[in-house]
Amino acid sequence: MSEIKQTFNSSLGKKLIMALTGLFLCTFIIVHLGGNLLLFSNDNGFGFNVYANFLTHFAPIEVIAYILYLSILVHALYALIITVKNRKSRPVGYAIQPKSDATWSSKNMGLLGSILLLFIVIHMGDFWFRYHNDKTMGFKEYRTDLATNKTTESVYTPVSADFNHSVSVENNVEIVRVKDLHARVVFSFSHLWYVAFYVIAMGALSFHLLHGFQSAFRTLGWVHRKYTPIVYAVGTWFFAVIIPLGFAAMPVYYYFVVKG
């Protein structure tokens, strides 16, 4: 046990923890983007609201969510520890900066991570916290005719303060009543400052993943002449381009299209 503790307290151990939590977070953002793409469904928020309800009422997902929160905190904490330790080991800068092959993103991971951490706090406060604690959040009722598969929506006013969600079928009509998180999305993305900050944060995410995804594989020793180019391609085009663009497209779309 002491050897394991010593290993994870070492510089390599801290980097291993950073790599493992980072790859877990990479997996999460893929799933998160997939769910958030429901915002483009043009169904008055039906798919997104049902998705949000599922995330908060399915026990296995809730367990994974707490692991996610812990991973974010551990990843940020160890990043801070490593940064501080590196600066202490070289308190005085070089008189002449040596040439380095390090990329801009690798040199500024601390700045990029700080922007992302601030974004996560604001983002979770605006959506996750409000969804769980805002008693003024409204509800929507979606009625789907099972014969025609046509869905209509309306505002729903619960008869009980304890009401959370319900699904029922009456006369071949499926009735779904859920919290209207979609309305919060529309409201938040109607503010230019929020949209701008969101897009900037996604730019930070792009550069953070550009270096972080590839670095995680190197830290774990998963380096091979045959597979490393694949890792670099996935890290560059999928995580640093497609994923951030997918997230950034949502606030831009809602501000310029839905709002208008």
Protein backbone atom coordinates (compact mmCIF):
# COMPACT_ATOMS: atom_id res chain seq x y z
CA MET A 1 0.00 0.00 0.00
CA SER A 2 2.84 2.38 0.86
CA GLU A 3 4.43 1.70 -2.54
CA ILE A 4 1.17 2.55 -4.30
CA LYS A 5 0.84 5.74 -2.24
CA GLN A 6 4.44 6.67 -2.99
CA THR A 7 3.88 6.05 -6.70
CA PHE A 8 0.83 8.32 -6.89
CA ASN A 9 2.56 11.00 -4.84
CA SER A 10 5.45 11.08 -7.29
CA SER A 11 5.55 13.39 -10.32
CA LEU A 12 4.83 10.44 -12.60
CA GLY A 13 1.94 9.33 -10.39
CA LYS A 14 0.36 12.78 -10.52
CA LYS A 15 0.69 12.80 -14.30
CA LEU A 16 -0.91 9.35 -14.46
CA ILE A 17 -3.89 10.62 -12.47
CA MET A 18 -4.10 13.63 -14.78
CA ALA A 19 -4.05 11.33 -17.81
CA LEU A 20 -6.69 8.92 -16.50
CA THR A 21 -9.10 11.63 -15.34
CA GLY A 22 -8.49 13.54 -18.56
CA LEU A 23 -9.38 10.55 -20.75
CA PHE A 24 -12.49 9.94 -18.65
CA LEU A 25 -13.53 13.55 -19.19
CA CYS A 26 -12.88 13.13 -22.93
CA THR A 27 -15.33 10.22 -22.92
CA PHE A 28 -17.87 12.33 -21.06
CA ILE A 29 -17.80 15.24 -23.49
CA ILE A 30 -18.55 12.88 -26.38
CA VAL A 31 -21.69 11.65 -24.61
CA HIS A 32 -22.57 15.17 -23.47
CA LEU A 33 -22.33 16.55 -26.98
CA GLY A 34 -24.43 13.68 -28.32
CA GLY A 35 -27.22 14.51 -25.88
CA ASN A 36 -26.98 18.25 -26.44
CA LEU A 37 -27.36 17.80 -30.20
CA LEU A 38 -31.04 17.23 -29.39
CA LEU A 39 -31.20 21.03 -29.11
CA PHE A 40 -31.16 21.11 -32.92
CA SER A 41 -34.20 18.80 -33.18
CA ASN A 42 -36.72 21.62 -33.74
CA ASP A 43 -39.26 19.81 -31.54
CA ASN A 44 -39.98 22.59 -29.01
CA GLY A 45 -37.46 21.09 -26.60
CA PHE A 46 -39.20 17.73 -26.29
CA GLY A 47 -36.17 15.52 -26.91
CA PHE A 48 -33.82 17.67 -24.84
CA ASN A 49 -36.18 17.96 -21.87
CA VAL A 50 -36.79 14.20 -21.83
CA TYR A 51 -33.03 13.65 -22.08
CA ALA A 52 -32.37 16.03 -19.15
CA ASN A 53 -35.03 14.27 -17.09
CA PHE A 54 -33.45 10.88 -17.86
CA LEU A 55 -30.00 12.08 -16.77
CA THR A 56 -31.32 13.20 -13.39
CA HIS A 57 -33.57 10.24 -12.61
CA PHE A 58 -31.64 7.18 -13.79
CA ALA A 59 -29.59 5.87 -10.86
CA PRO A 60 -26.55 4.55 -12.81
CA ILE A 61 -26.24 7.89 -14.61
CA GLU A 62 -26.38 9.74 -11.29
CA VAL A 63 -23.53 7.59 -9.95
CA ILE A 64 -21.45 8.33 -13.05
CA ALA A 65 -22.26 12.02 -12.61
CA TYR A 66 -20.68 12.06 -9.14
CA ILE A 67 -17.61 10.30 -10.54
CA LEU A 68 -17.53 13.01 -13.18
CA TYR A 69 -17.63 15.81 -10.59
CA LEU A 70 -14.84 14.11 -8.64
CA SER A 71 -12.77 13.70 -11.82
CA ILE A 72 -13.10 17.40 -12.64
CA LEU A 73 -11.96 18.41 -9.15
CA VAL A 74 -9.06 15.92 -9.09
CA HIS A 75 -7.96 16.88 -12.61
CA ALA A 76 -7.98 20.58 -11.73
CA LEU A 77 -6.29 20.04 -8.35
CA TYR A 78 -3.45 17.93 -9.72
CA ALA A 79 -2.97 20.35 -12.61
CA LEU A 80 -2.50 23.12 -10.04
CA ILE A 81 -0.13 21.00 -7.94
CA ILE A 82 2.03 20.09 -10.96
CA THR A 83 2.11 23.71 -12.19
CA VAL A 84 3.13 25.08 -8.78
CA LYS A 85 5.79 22.38 -8.36
CA ASN A 86 7.25 23.10 -11.79
CA ARG A 87 7.47 26.81 -11.04
CA LYS A 88 9.10 26.19 -7.66
CA SER A 89 11.70 23.97 -9.28
CA ARG A 90 12.67 26.88 -11.53
CA PRO A 91 11.83 30.10 -9.63
CA VAL A 92 14.13 32.20 -11.82
CA GLY A 93 13.53 32.25 -15.56
CA TYR A 94 16.23 31.65 -18.11
CA ALA A 95 18.20 34.75 -19.17
CA ILE A 96 18.03 33.43 -22.72
CA GLN A 97 15.04 31.26 -23.56
CA PRO A 98 16.18 28.02 -25.18
CA LYS A 99 14.49 26.90 -28.35
CA SER A 100 11.66 24.50 -27.71
CA ASP A 101 9.44 22.31 -29.85
CA ALA A 102 6.59 22.77 -27.37
CA THR A 103 3.34 24.02 -28.89
CA TRP A 104 1.44 27.10 -27.72
CA SER A 105 -1.28 24.91 -26.20
CA SER A 106 1.25 22.86 -24.19
CA LYS A 107 2.81 26.05 -22.81
CA ASN A 108 -0.54 27.52 -21.80
CA MET A 109 -2.42 24.54 -20.38
CA GLY A 110 -2.78 26.35 -17.06
CA LEU A 111 -4.49 29.34 -18.68
CA LEU A 112 -6.69 27.12 -20.84
CA GLY A 113 -7.63 24.97 -17.86
CA SER A 114 -8.51 28.04 -15.78
CA ILE A 115 -10.85 29.32 -18.48
CA LEU A 116 -12.50 25.91 -18.70
CA LEU A 117 -12.88 25.62 -14.93
CA LEU A 118 -14.55 29.04 -14.80
CA PHE A 119 -16.82 27.98 -17.67
CA ILE A 120 -17.76 24.73 -15.92
CA VAL A 121 -18.70 26.60 -12.72
CA ILE A 122 -20.87 29.11 -14.62
CA HIS A 123 -22.35 26.46 -16.91
CA MET A 124 -23.29 24.07 -14.10
CA GLY A 125 -24.67 26.93 -12.02
CA ASP A 126 -26.85 28.09 -14.88
CA PHE A 127 -28.20 24.67 -15.85
CA TRP A 128 -27.43 21.83 -13.41
CA PHE A 129 -27.95 23.85 -10.21
CA ARG A 130 -31.07 25.58 -11.49
CA TYR A 131 -32.56 22.30 -12.72
CA HIS A 132 -32.22 20.79 -9.26
CA ASN A 133 -32.95 23.81 -7.07
CA ASP A 134 -34.90 26.48 -8.97
CA LYS A 135 -38.50 26.13 -7.78
CA THR A 136 -39.63 28.67 -10.37
CA MET A 137 -38.55 26.52 -13.31
CA GLY A 138 -41.60 25.74 -15.42
CA PHE A 139 -42.90 22.46 -16.80
CA LYS A 140 -43.91 21.36 -20.26
CA GLU A 141 -46.52 18.83 -21.26
CA TYR A 142 -45.96 16.90 -24.50
CA ARG A 143 -48.83 14.88 -25.96
CA THR A 144 -47.89 12.37 -28.67
CA ASP A 145 -50.60 10.70 -30.71
CA LEU A 146 -49.29 7.15 -30.95
CA ALA A 147 -51.24 6.56 -34.16
CA THR A 148 -49.78 9.50 -36.08
CA ASN A 149 -46.65 10.10 -33.94
CA LYS A 150 -47.52 13.81 -33.91
CA THR A 151 -46.49 15.70 -30.78
CA THR A 152 -48.03 18.86 -29.38
CA GLU A 153 -46.69 20.84 -26.43
CA SER A 154 -48.13 23.18 -23.83
CA VAL A 155 -47.20 24.72 -20.50
CA TYR A 156 -48.01 22.46 -17.57
CA THR A 157 -48.81 23.67 -14.05
CA PRO A 158 -48.31 20.94 -11.43
CA VAL A 159 -51.09 20.45 -8.90
CA SER A 160 -48.50 19.55 -6.26
CA ALA A 161 -45.31 21.34 -5.25
CA ASP A 162 -43.60 17.93 -5.05
CA PHE A 163 -44.33 17.07 -8.70
CA ASN A 164 -41.22 16.27 -10.71
CA HIS A 165 -42.14 14.38 -13.87
CA SER A 166 -44.64 11.86 -15.19
CA VAL A 167 -45.31 9.64 -18.22
CA SER A 168 -48.73 8.18 -18.95
CA VAL A 169 -50.90 6.97 -21.82
CA GLU A 170 -54.54 7.99 -22.26
CA ASN A 171 -56.70 7.13 -25.26
CA ASN A 172 -53.65 6.13 -27.31
CA VAL A 173 -51.93 9.42 -26.47
CA GLU A 174 -48.64 9.44 -24.62
CA ILE A 175 -48.45 12.29 -22.12
CA VAL A 176 -45.01 13.37 -20.90
CA ARG A 177 -44.65 16.09 -18.27
CA VAL A 178 -41.13 17.29 -17.46
CA LYS A 179 -39.19 20.31 -16.29
CA ASP A 180 -38.62 22.79 -19.09
CA LEU A 181 -34.82 23.09 -19.08
CA HIS A 182 -35.02 23.95 -22.77
CA ALA A 183 -36.57 27.30 -21.84
CA ARG A 184 -33.48 28.04 -19.74
CA VAL A 185 -31.27 27.21 -22.71
CA VAL A 186 -33.21 29.62 -24.92
CA PHE A 187 -32.97 32.33 -22.25
CA SER A 188 -29.24 31.90 -21.60
CA PHE A 189 -28.33 31.77 -25.28
CA SER A 190 -30.30 34.93 -25.97
CA HIS A 191 -27.56 36.98 -24.26
CA LEU A 192 -24.61 37.94 -26.45
CA TRP A 193 -22.11 38.02 -23.57
CA TYR A 194 -23.03 34.44 -22.64
CA VAL A 195 -22.75 33.25 -26.23
CA ALA A 196 -19.38 34.99 -26.63
CA PHE A 197 -18.05 33.50 -23.39
CA TYR A 198 -19.31 30.05 -24.40
CA VAL A 199 -17.54 30.25 -27.78
CA ILE A 200 -14.31 31.49 -26.16
CA ALA A 201 -14.48 28.60 -23.68
CA MET A 202 -14.90 26.16 -26.55
CA GLY A 203 -11.81 27.69 -28.17
CA ALA A 204 -9.95 27.02 -24.92
CA LEU A 205 -11.35 23.48 -24.91
CA SER A 206 -10.02 22.95 -28.44
CA PHE A 207 -6.45 23.91 -27.56
CA HIS A 208 -6.65 22.11 -24.20
CA LEU A 209 -7.68 18.85 -25.90
CA LEU A 210 -5.20 19.35 -28.74
CA HIS A 211 -2.37 18.88 -26.27
CA GLY A 212 -4.09 17.00 -23.45
CA PHE A 213 -5.47 14.02 -25.40
CA GLN A 214 -2.15 13.21 -27.04
CA SER A 215 -0.21 13.89 -23.84
CA ALA A 216 -2.38 11.43 -21.88
CA PHE A 217 -1.38 8.57 -24.19
CA ARG A 218 2.30 9.49 -23.87
CA THR A 219 2.04 9.61 -20.08
CA LEU A 220 0.42 6.17 -19.99
CA GLY A 221 3.15 4.80 -22.24
CA TRP A 222 0.72 3.98 -25.02
CA VAL A 223 3.11 5.06 -27.74
CA HIS A 224 3.63 2.96 -30.85
CA ARG A 225 4.99 3.82 -34.25
CA LYS A 226 1.92 2.29 -35.90
CA TYR A 227 -0.81 3.75 -33.68
CA THR A 228 0.57 7.12 -32.55
CA PRO A 229 -0.39 8.85 -35.84
CA ILE A 230 -3.98 7.63 -35.28
CA VAL A 231 -3.98 9.05 -31.76
CA TYR A 232 -2.69 12.37 -33.08
CA ALA A 233 -5.33 12.43 -35.83
CA VAL A 234 -8.17 11.65 -33.40
CA GLY A 235 -6.85 14.20 -30.90
CA THR A 236 -6.55 16.89 -33.56
CA TRP A 237 -9.58 16.47 -35.80
CA PHE A 238 -12.12 14.87 -33.50
CA PHE A 239 -11.37 16.31 -30.07
CA ALA A 240 -9.79 19.64 -31.03
CA VAL A 241 -12.01 20.46 -34.02
CA ILE A 242 -15.30 18.54 -34.26
CA ILE A 243 -16.16 18.40 -30.53
CA PRO A 244 -15.56 22.13 -29.78
CA LEU A 245 -17.30 23.20 -33.00
CA GLY A 246 -20.30 21.04 -32.09
CA PHE A 247 -20.61 22.67 -28.68
CA ALA A 248 -19.96 26.21 -29.99
CA ALA A 249 -22.61 25.81 -32.70
CA MET A 250 -25.39 25.51 -30.09
CA PRO A 251 -25.27 29.01 -28.55
CA VAL A 252 -24.58 30.58 -31.95
CA TYR A 253 -27.59 28.79 -33.46
CA TYR A 254 -29.90 29.78 -30.60
CA TYR A 255 -28.76 33.40 -30.59
CA PHE A 256 -29.01 34.02 -34.33
CA VAL A 257 -31.75 31.58 -35.37
CA VAL A 258 -34.02 30.63 -32.46
CA LYS A 259 -33.90 34.06 -30.82
CA GLY A 260 -34.57 35.74 -34.14
